[in-house]
Amino acid sequence: MSALPPMEGFRPYGTPRRNRESVELLFEEFEAIRLADYENLTQEEAAKRMNISRPTFTRLYDKARKAVARAFVENKTISIRGGHYEFEEHRHRCRRCQQDYSSDTPAGYCENCRPKK
């Protein structure tokens, strides 16, 4: 993965939150959809980019598409989190501005938002 997704999930409009269940989309499933559908890569190209086999990519992509379809049809929230993934460097998300940043240790805030001492 090159970066964390820019959001933690999606929720449908028009129904109360308290009555809504959630469908989980793992980070690598999000990445599979991003590469295949957003970047228009072939499954082979996307698998190489993710450093996995093409059959593994196909399974991830299929599972991701089914999760998104289930959320749409059944009026469920999509939560994007977890899974098995690696970054070339340590990536974290700022608690204040939600931007990704690189750091050896998670500080909680990026350089722009870190409270001044």
C-alpha atoms as a PDB file:
ATOM      1  CA  MET A   1       0.000   0.000   0.000  1.00  0.00           C
ATOM      2  CA  SER A   2       1.228   3.441  -0.785  1.00  0.00           C
ATOM      3  CA  ALA A   3      -0.924   5.233   1.815  1.00  0.00           C
ATOM      4  CA  LEU A   4      -3.824   4.754   4.158  1.00  0.00           C
ATOM      5  CA  PRO A   5      -7.284   5.383   2.698  1.00  0.00           C
ATOM      6  CA  PRO A   6      -8.245   9.061   3.040  1.00  0.00           C
ATOM      7  CA  MET A   7     -11.315   8.102   5.115  1.00  0.00           C
ATOM      8  CA  GLU A   8     -12.304   5.549   7.749  1.00  0.00           C
ATOM      9  CA  GLY A   9     -15.470   4.494   5.948  1.00  0.00           C
ATOM     10  CA  PHE A  10     -18.773   5.502   4.407  1.00  0.00           C
ATOM     11  CA  ARG A  11     -22.349   5.582   5.606  1.00  0.00           C
ATOM     12  CA  PRO A  12     -25.642   5.731   3.738  1.00  0.00           C
ATOM     13  CA  TYR A  13     -28.019   8.678   3.900  1.00  0.00           C
ATOM     14  CA  GLY A  14     -31.639   8.491   5.002  1.00  0.00           C
ATOM     15  CA  THR A  15     -31.653   5.967   7.849  1.00  0.00           C
ATOM     16  CA  PRO A  16     -30.845   6.451  11.531  1.00  0.00           C
ATOM     17  CA  ARG A  17     -27.332   5.394  12.530  1.00  0.00           C
ATOM     18  CA  ARG A  18     -28.524   3.388  15.507  1.00  0.00           C
ATOM     19  CA  ASN A  19     -30.363   0.942  13.226  1.00  0.00           C
ATOM     20  CA  ARG A  20     -27.483   0.478  10.806  1.00  0.00           C
ATOM     21  CA  GLU A  21     -25.041  -2.431  10.774  1.00  0.00           C
ATOM     22  CA  SER A  22     -21.534  -2.264   9.367  1.00  0.00           C
ATOM     23  CA  VAL A  23     -19.592  -4.132   6.685  1.00  0.00           C
ATOM     24  CA  GLU A  24     -15.824  -4.257   7.183  1.00  0.00           C
ATOM     25  CA  LEU A  25     -13.487  -3.564   4.273  1.00  0.00           C
ATOM     26  CA  LEU A  26      -9.847  -4.390   5.034  1.00  0.00           C
ATOM     27  CA  PHE A  27      -7.106  -1.970   3.950  1.00  0.00           C
ATOM     28  CA  GLU A  28      -5.820  -4.443   1.347  1.00  0.00           C
ATOM     29  CA  GLU A  29      -9.351  -4.875  -0.044  1.00  0.00           C
ATOM     30  CA  PHE A  30      -9.678  -1.095  -0.359  1.00  0.00           C
ATOM     31  CA  GLU A  31      -6.306  -1.068  -2.138  1.00  0.00           C
ATOM     32  CA  ALA A  32      -7.461  -3.797  -4.552  1.00  0.00           C
ATOM     33  CA  ILE A  33     -10.524  -1.748  -5.534  1.00  0.00           C
ATOM     34  CA  ARG A  34      -8.433   1.414  -5.805  1.00  0.00           C
ATOM     35  CA  LEU A  35      -5.881  -0.187  -8.113  1.00  0.00           C
ATOM     36  CA  ALA A  36      -8.305  -2.141 -10.314  1.00  0.00           C
ATOM     37  CA  ASP A  37     -11.231   0.277 -10.557  1.00  0.00           C
ATOM     38  CA  TYR A  38      -9.754   3.707  -9.853  1.00  0.00           C
ATOM     39  CA  GLU A  39      -6.300   3.337 -11.438  1.00  0.00           C
ATOM     40  CA  ASN A  40      -7.615   0.936 -14.110  1.00  0.00           C
ATOM     41  CA  LEU A  41      -4.794  -1.577 -13.672  1.00  0.00           C
ATOM     42  CA  THR A  42      -5.146  -5.180 -14.801  1.00  0.00           C
ATOM     43  CA  GLN A  43      -5.303  -7.745 -12.029  1.00  0.00           C
ATOM     44  CA  GLU A  44      -1.775  -8.832 -12.880  1.00  0.00           C
ATOM     45  CA  GLU A  45      -0.440  -5.247 -12.694  1.00  0.00           C
ATOM     46  CA  ALA A  46      -2.314  -4.591  -9.447  1.00  0.00           C
ATOM     47  CA  ALA A  47      -1.026  -7.832  -7.904  1.00  0.00           C
ATOM     48  CA  LYS A  48       2.553  -6.822  -8.749  1.00  0.00           C
ATOM     49  CA  ARG A  49       1.989  -3.374  -7.232  1.00  0.00           C
ATOM     50  CA  MET A  50       0.664  -5.001  -4.036  1.00  0.00           C
ATOM     51  CA  ASN A  51       3.459  -7.594  -4.053  1.00  0.00           C
ATOM     52  CA  ILE A  52       1.021 -10.531  -3.989  1.00  0.00           C
ATOM     53  CA  SER A  53       0.109 -13.297  -6.435  1.00  0.00           C
ATOM     54  CA  ARG A  54      -2.561 -12.711  -9.060  1.00  0.00           C
ATOM     55  CA  PRO A  55      -4.889 -15.381  -7.556  1.00  0.00           C
ATOM     56  CA  THR A  56      -4.571 -13.709  -4.140  1.00  0.00           C
ATOM     57  CA  PHE A  57      -5.380 -10.357  -5.717  1.00  0.00           C
ATOM     58  CA  THR A  58      -8.439 -11.871  -7.407  1.00  0.00           C
ATOM     59  CA  ARG A  59      -9.708 -13.214  -4.060  1.00  0.00           C
ATOM     60  CA  LEU A  60      -9.164  -9.839  -2.324  1.00  0.00           C
ATOM     61  CA  TYR A  61     -10.830  -7.922  -5.146  1.00  0.00           C
ATOM     62  CA  ASP A  62     -13.815 -10.283  -5.243  1.00  0.00           C
ATOM     63  CA  LYS A  63     -14.276 -10.088  -1.468  1.00  0.00           C
ATOM     64  CA  ALA A  64     -14.039  -6.272  -1.569  1.00  0.00           C
ATOM     65  CA  ARG A  65     -16.607  -5.941  -4.373  1.00  0.00           C
ATOM     66  CA  LYS A  66     -19.030  -8.218  -2.514  1.00  0.00           C
ATOM     67  CA  ALA A  67     -18.616  -6.217   0.706  1.00  0.00           C
ATOM     68  CA  VAL A  68     -19.316  -2.925  -1.089  1.00  0.00           C
ATOM     69  CA  ALA A  69     -22.311  -4.419  -2.921  1.00  0.00           C
ATOM     70  CA  ARG A  70     -23.701  -5.811   0.348  1.00  0.00           C
ATOM     71  CA  ALA A  71     -23.364  -2.403   2.003  1.00  0.00           C
ATOM     72  CA  PHE A  72     -25.161  -0.678  -0.876  1.00  0.00           C
ATOM     73  CA  VAL A  73     -27.997  -3.184  -1.174  1.00  0.00           C
ATOM     74  CA  GLU A  74     -28.516  -3.760   2.564  1.00  0.00           C
ATOM     75  CA  ASN A  75     -28.059  -0.100   3.624  1.00  0.00           C
ATOM     76  CA  LYS A  76     -24.979  -0.805   5.755  1.00  0.00           C
ATOM     77  CA  THR A  77     -22.041   1.359   6.779  1.00  0.00           C
ATOM     78  CA  ILE A  78     -18.626   0.500   5.297  1.00  0.00           C
ATOM     79  CA  SER A  79     -15.793   0.538   7.860  1.00  0.00           C
ATOM     80  CA  ILE A  80     -12.282   0.545   6.360  1.00  0.00           C
ATOM     81  CA  ARG A  81      -9.699  -0.836   8.775  1.00  0.00           C
ATOM     82  CA  GLY A  82      -7.370  -3.688   9.639  1.00  0.00           C
ATOM     83  CA  GLY A  83      -5.910  -6.429   7.513  1.00  0.00           C
ATOM     84  CA  HIS A  84      -2.394  -7.408   6.504  1.00  0.00           C
ATOM     85  CA  TYR A  85      -0.369  -4.694   4.809  1.00  0.00           C
ATOM     86  CA  GLU A  86       3.058  -3.100   4.830  1.00  0.00           C
ATOM     87  CA  PHE A  87       4.345   0.349   3.985  1.00  0.00           C
ATOM     88  CA  GLU A  88       7.828   1.127   2.776  1.00  0.00           C
ATOM     89  CA  GLU A  89       8.063   3.524   5.709  1.00  0.00           C
ATOM     90  CA  HIS A  90       6.088   3.950   8.927  1.00  0.00           C
ATOM     91  CA  ARG A  91       2.805   5.674   8.080  1.00  0.00           C
ATOM     92  CA  HIS A  92       0.415   7.269  10.569  1.00  0.00           C
ATOM     93  CA  ARG A  93      -2.680   9.467  10.422  1.00  0.00           C
ATOM     94  CA  CYS A  94      -2.772  12.814  12.251  1.00  0.00           C
ATOM     95  CA  ARG A  95      -5.534  12.963  14.880  1.00  0.00           C
ATOM     96  CA  ARG A  96      -6.290  16.604  14.114  1.00  0.00           C
ATOM     97  CA  CYS A  97      -6.114  17.053  10.312  1.00  0.00           C
ATOM     98  CA  GLN A  98      -6.400  13.368   9.293  1.00  0.00           C
ATOM     99  CA  GLN A  99      -3.424  13.642   6.910  1.00  0.00           C
ATOM    100  CA  ASP A 100      -0.973  10.755   6.553  1.00  0.00           C
ATOM    101  CA  TYR A 101       2.571  11.365   7.737  1.00  0.00           C
ATOM    102  CA  SER A 102       5.799   9.371   8.061  1.00  0.00           C
ATOM    103  CA  SER A 103       7.519   8.902  11.382  1.00  0.00           C
ATOM    104  CA  ASP A 104       9.614   6.307  13.208  1.00  0.00           C
ATOM    105  CA  THR A 105       7.073   6.351  16.036  1.00  0.00           C
ATOM    106  CA  PRO A 106       3.409   7.367  16.033  1.00  0.00           C
ATOM    107  CA  ALA A 107       3.267  10.813  17.626  1.00  0.00           C
ATOM    108  CA  GLY A 108      -0.480  11.262  17.186  1.00  0.00           C
ATOM    109  CA  TYR A 109      -0.072  14.540  15.303  1.00  0.00           C
ATOM    110  CA  CYS A 110       1.784  15.554  12.135  1.00  0.00           C
ATOM    111  CA  GLU A 111       4.426  18.289  12.169  1.00  0.00           C
ATOM    112  CA  ASN A 112       1.855  20.987  11.254  1.00  0.00           C
ATOM    113  CA  CYS A 113      -0.596  20.055  14.014  1.00  0.00           C
ATOM    114  CA  ARG A 114       1.718  18.959  16.822  1.00  0.00           C
ATOM    115  CA  PRO A 115       1.113  21.145  19.885  1.00  0.00           C
ATOM    116  CA  LYS A 116       3.954  23.601  20.495  1.00  0.00           C
ATOM    117  CA  LYS A 117       5.838  23.222  23.774  1.00  0.00           C
END
